[in-house]
Protein backbone atom coordinates (compact mmCIF):
# COMPACT_ATOMS: atom_id res chain seq x y z
CA UNK A 1 81.63 24.24 -57.72
CA UNK A 2 78.62 25.36 -55.82
CA UNK A 3 79.14 22.37 -53.56
CA UNK A 4 82.70 23.50 -52.79
CA UNK A 5 81.61 27.00 -52.11
CA UNK A 6 78.82 25.88 -49.85
CA UNK A 7 81.23 23.63 -47.99
CA UNK A 8 83.68 26.41 -47.53
CA UNK A 9 80.96 28.74 -46.26
CA UNK A 10 79.61 26.14 -43.79
CA UNK A 11 83.09 25.54 -42.46
CA UNK A 12 83.66 29.23 -41.98
CA UNK A 13 80.39 29.70 -40.09
CA UNK A 14 81.09 26.70 -37.83
CA UNK A 15 84.57 28.09 -37.08
CA UNK A 16 83.08 31.51 -36.30
CA UNK A 17 80.58 30.11 -33.80
CA UNK A 18 83.21 27.87 -32.26
CA UNK A 19 85.48 30.85 -31.61
CA UNK A 20 82.54 32.91 -30.20
CA UNK A 21 81.56 30.08 -27.78
CA UNK A 22 85.15 29.72 -26.53
CA UNK A 23 85.38 33.49 -26.04
CA UNK A 24 82.12 33.49 -23.97
CA UNK A 25 83.42 30.66 -21.72
CA UNK A 26 86.70 32.51 -21.11
CA UNK A 27 84.91 35.71 -20.21
CA UNK A 28 82.43 33.90 -17.82
CA UNK A 29 85.31 32.14 -16.13
CA UNK A 30 87.12 35.42 -15.59
CA UNK A 31 83.99 37.11 -14.16
CA UNK A 32 83.32 34.37 -11.55
CA UNK A 33 84.53 35.07 -7.94
CA UNK A 34 87.91 33.70 -7.08
CA UNK A 35 87.81 30.00 -6.32
CA UNK A 36 84.16 29.68 -7.41
CA UNK A 37 83.16 26.55 -9.32
CA UNK A 38 80.69 26.76 -12.19
CA UNK A 39 77.35 25.21 -11.46
CA UNK A 40 76.72 21.78 -13.11
CA UNK A 41 74.43 21.66 -16.17
CA UNK A 42 70.69 21.47 -15.65
CA UNK A 43 69.76 17.97 -14.39
CA UNK A 44 73.29 17.04 -13.29
CA UNK A 45 74.13 16.21 -9.72
CA UNK A 46 77.26 17.59 -8.12
CA UNK A 47 79.40 14.91 -6.49
CA UNK A 48 79.70 15.18 -2.71
CA UNK A 49 83.16 15.39 -1.16
CA UNK A 50 84.55 12.04 -0.08
CA UNK A 51 84.48 12.91 3.65
CA UNK A 52 81.04 14.56 3.57
CA UNK A 53 78.24 13.16 5.75
CA UNK A 54 74.76 13.08 4.18
CA UNK A 55 72.16 14.80 6.40
CA UNK A 56 69.05 12.76 7.29
CA UNK A 57 65.89 13.65 5.51
CA UNK A 58 63.61 16.21 7.04
CA UNK A 59 61.69 14.69 9.95
CA UNK A 60 63.96 11.64 10.23
CA UNK A 61 65.31 10.65 13.62
CA UNK A 62 68.81 9.30 14.01
CA UNK A 63 68.82 5.68 15.41
CA UNK A 64 69.75 5.57 19.08
CA UNK A 65 73.02 3.97 20.11
CA UNK A 66 72.37 0.37 21.13
CA UNK A 67 72.18 -0.31 24.83
CA UNK A 68 72.55 3.23 26.01
CA UNK A 69 71.13 4.08 29.43
CA UNK A 70 68.45 6.69 29.83
CA UNK A 71 69.89 10.06 30.90
CA UNK A 72 69.73 10.11 34.70
CA UNK A 73 71.95 11.93 37.12
CA UNK A 74 72.88 11.00 40.68
CA UNK A 75 74.56 13.03 43.41
CA UNK A 76 77.82 11.78 44.95
CA UNK A 77 75.88 10.34 47.81
CA UNK A 78 73.50 8.39 45.63
CA UNK A 79 70.47 10.67 45.44
CA UNK A 80 68.61 10.88 42.07
CA UNK A 81 68.28 14.27 40.48
CA UNK A 82 64.86 15.17 39.11
CA UNK A 83 64.57 13.78 35.55
CA UNK A 84 64.01 16.12 32.64
CA UNK A 85 62.37 15.61 29.21
CA UNK A 86 60.40 12.50 30.17
CA UNK A 87 57.17 13.79 28.63
CA UNK A 88 58.79 13.15 25.25
CA UNK A 89 59.26 9.46 26.20
CA UNK A 90 56.86 6.63 25.44
CA UNK A 91 53.57 7.06 27.28
CA UNK A 92 52.24 3.63 28.48
CA UNK A 93 49.12 4.33 30.57
CA UNK A 94 47.30 6.32 33.27
CA UNK A 95 45.81 4.30 36.16
CA UNK A 96 43.40 6.10 38.47
CA UNK A 97 42.00 5.04 41.86
CA UNK A 98 39.70 7.91 42.88
CA UNK A 99 38.65 8.55 46.55
CA UNK A 100 34.97 8.05 45.69
CA UNK A 101 35.56 4.43 44.76
CA UNK A 102 37.71 3.66 47.73
CA UNK A 103 35.82 4.53 50.88
CA UNK A 104 36.50 8.25 50.50
CA UNK A 105 40.29 7.90 50.92
CA UNK A 106 42.32 6.07 48.35
CA UNK A 107 46.10 5.53 48.93
CA UNK A 108 46.83 6.93 45.44
CA UNK A 109 43.78 9.07 44.47
CA UNK A 110 45.48 10.87 41.52
CA UNK A 111 46.00 10.09 37.86
CA UNK A 112 49.37 8.33 37.37
CA UNK A 113 50.62 9.20 33.92
CA UNK A 114 53.45 6.68 33.25
CA UNK A 115 56.30 7.08 30.74
CA UNK A 116 59.11 4.66 29.72
CA UNK A 117 62.44 5.61 28.22
CA UNK A 118 62.41 4.97 24.42
CA UNK A 119 65.31 2.51 24.14
CA UNK A 120 63.91 0.34 26.88
CA UNK A 121 60.49 0.41 25.18
CA UNK A 122 62.10 -0.66 21.89
CA UNK A 123 63.75 -3.56 23.72
CA UNK A 124 60.44 -4.49 25.34
CA UNK A 125 58.74 -4.60 21.96
CA UNK A 126 61.24 -7.13 20.73
CA UNK A 127 61.62 -9.28 23.84
CA UNK A 128 58.70 -8.61 26.25
CA UNK A 129 61.29 -7.94 28.94
CA UNK A 130 62.45 -4.89 30.88
CA UNK A 131 66.15 -4.48 30.11
CA UNK A 132 68.81 -3.42 32.57
CA UNK A 133 68.70 0.31 32.51
CA UNK A 134 64.94 0.61 32.16
CA UNK A 135 63.48 3.85 33.57
CA UNK A 136 59.75 4.28 34.34
CA UNK A 137 58.45 7.73 35.21
CA UNK A 138 55.13 8.22 37.05
CA UNK A 139 53.85 11.79 36.95
CA UNK A 140 50.98 12.47 39.35
CA UNK A 141 48.13 14.58 38.11
CA UNK A 142 45.31 15.74 40.37
CA UNK A 143 41.69 14.96 39.62
CA UNK A 144 40.26 18.22 38.28
CA UNK A 145 36.73 18.65 36.99
CA UNK A 146 34.23 15.86 37.39
CA UNK A 147 31.96 17.14 34.66
CA UNK A 148 32.46 18.00 31.00
CA UNK A 149 30.36 18.58 27.92
CA UNK A 150 30.67 14.81 27.23
CA UNK A 151 29.26 13.94 30.62
CA UNK A 152 30.31 13.21 34.22
CA UNK A 153 33.63 11.62 34.93
CA UNK A 154 37.16 12.19 36.18
CA UNK A 155 39.25 14.74 34.24
CA UNK A 156 42.87 15.68 34.71
CA UNK A 157 43.71 18.71 36.71
CA UNK A 158 47.21 20.05 37.53
CA UNK A 159 50.53 18.24 37.86
CA UNK A 160 51.20 17.59 41.47
CA UNK A 161 53.93 14.91 41.86
CA UNK A 162 56.68 12.87 40.30
CA UNK A 163 58.07 9.38 40.95
CA UNK A 164 60.73 7.31 39.21
CA UNK A 165 61.59 3.57 39.09
CA UNK A 166 64.97 2.48 37.77
CA UNK A 167 66.28 -1.03 36.97
CA UNK A 168 70.06 -1.08 37.34
CA UNK A 169 71.86 -4.31 38.25
CA UNK A 170 75.09 -2.49 39.08
CA UNK A 171 73.79 0.39 41.20
CA UNK A 172 70.97 -1.55 42.84
CA UNK A 173 72.41 -5.03 42.80
CA UNK A 174 71.05 -5.84 46.33
CA UNK A 175 67.44 -4.67 45.62
CA UNK A 176 64.77 -7.18 44.65
CA UNK A 177 64.70 -7.37 40.83
CA UNK A 178 67.43 -4.71 40.78
CA UNK A 179 64.72 -2.03 40.89
CA UNK A 180 64.93 1.16 42.96
CA UNK A 181 62.17 3.65 43.55
CA UNK A 182 62.35 7.42 44.06
CA UNK A 183 59.70 10.07 44.82
CA UNK A 184 60.16 13.80 44.33
CA UNK A 185 57.07 14.70 46.30
CA UNK A 186 53.31 14.79 45.79
CA UNK A 187 52.98 18.59 45.94
CA UNK A 188 54.76 21.34 44.03
CA UNK A 189 57.41 22.55 44.28
CA UNK A 190 59.05 19.17 43.81
CA UNK A 191 62.42 18.23 45.29
CA UNK A 192 65.38 18.68 42.97
CA UNK A 193 67.01 15.49 44.23
CA UNK A 194 65.84 12.63 46.44
CA UNK A 195 67.06 9.50 48.17
CA UNK A 196 65.97 5.96 47.31
CA UNK A 197 62.74 4.69 48.93
CA UNK A 198 63.02 1.82 51.27
CA UNK A 199 62.60 -1.72 49.93
CA UNK A 200 59.63 -2.34 52.21
CA UNK A 201 57.80 0.78 50.98
CA UNK A 202 57.93 -0.08 47.27
CA UNK A 203 59.73 -3.28 46.12
CA UNK A 204 57.59 -5.63 48.26
CA UNK A 205 54.33 -4.32 46.83
CA UNK A 206 55.54 -4.46 43.25
CA UNK A 207 56.93 -7.92 43.72
CA UNK A 208 53.68 -9.21 45.15
CA UNK A 209 51.22 -7.58 42.72
CA UNK A 210 52.91 -6.46 39.51
CA UNK A 211 52.27 -8.56 36.40
CA UNK A 212 55.83 -8.78 35.11
CA UNK A 213 59.23 -7.95 36.58
CA UNK A 214 57.99 -5.52 39.24
CA UNK A 215 56.05 -3.52 36.68
CA UNK A 216 52.23 -3.14 36.76
CA UNK A 217 51.97 -3.82 33.05
CA UNK A 218 48.47 -5.18 33.56
CA UNK A 219 47.36 -1.53 33.93
CA UNK A 220 49.38 -0.21 31.02
CA UNK A 221 47.53 -0.83 27.72
CA UNK A 222 50.48 0.40 25.56
CA UNK A 223 52.78 -2.27 27.16
CA UNK A 224 50.14 -5.00 26.77
CA UNK A 225 49.79 -4.14 23.08
CA UNK A 226 53.60 -3.78 22.50
CA UNK A 227 54.58 -7.11 24.08
CA UNK A 228 55.49 -9.86 21.55
CA UNK A 229 52.50 -12.19 21.22
CA UNK A 230 53.17 -15.77 22.22
CA UNK A 231 52.74 -18.30 19.33
């Protein structure tokens, strides 16, 4: 008998709590803003919509589209507009031929900070070749101080010039190596657009003295280190 009573009491209590829980859920649902969806239980992960795109993790960079050309602009008459954003490209080296080591007057007495567009650099790492579409930027920096706390030497001063080399088999199909060279000046303010340099002024020198494909990679340690090593 006591067992039957206890069973009846337990059933009644369970039914009471079940009704209370149901009432709570109904009240909570009515209180939620229109159209709102209740948050998933702790530890559960809400399913993403089928057409949603997952954002890359913080700090990740989206992969570049394969074979894309570096962003350069030309005028209708073929002049190159001054490139922008190249200081975020891949830095490859900084040759320097100071006046003091060249009889007091070097042809190029400034620091030449050289940058390469990222997609072409990635291609170079894989193949050791400069792909069609390669862009090399040479930013001229004057020699500033010749003494520092570390000792005497040549230290960078101000930006003074900008030059660009472009390999493009369609636009420069008649140029040696399909390379074309542009200078925006060796003194500020720089030109906003400039015509291509003559073949004699640039291509011939690069062809005669550059280590690989008209590029002076022998003076660019980053390129030397990035090139695939021969087995």
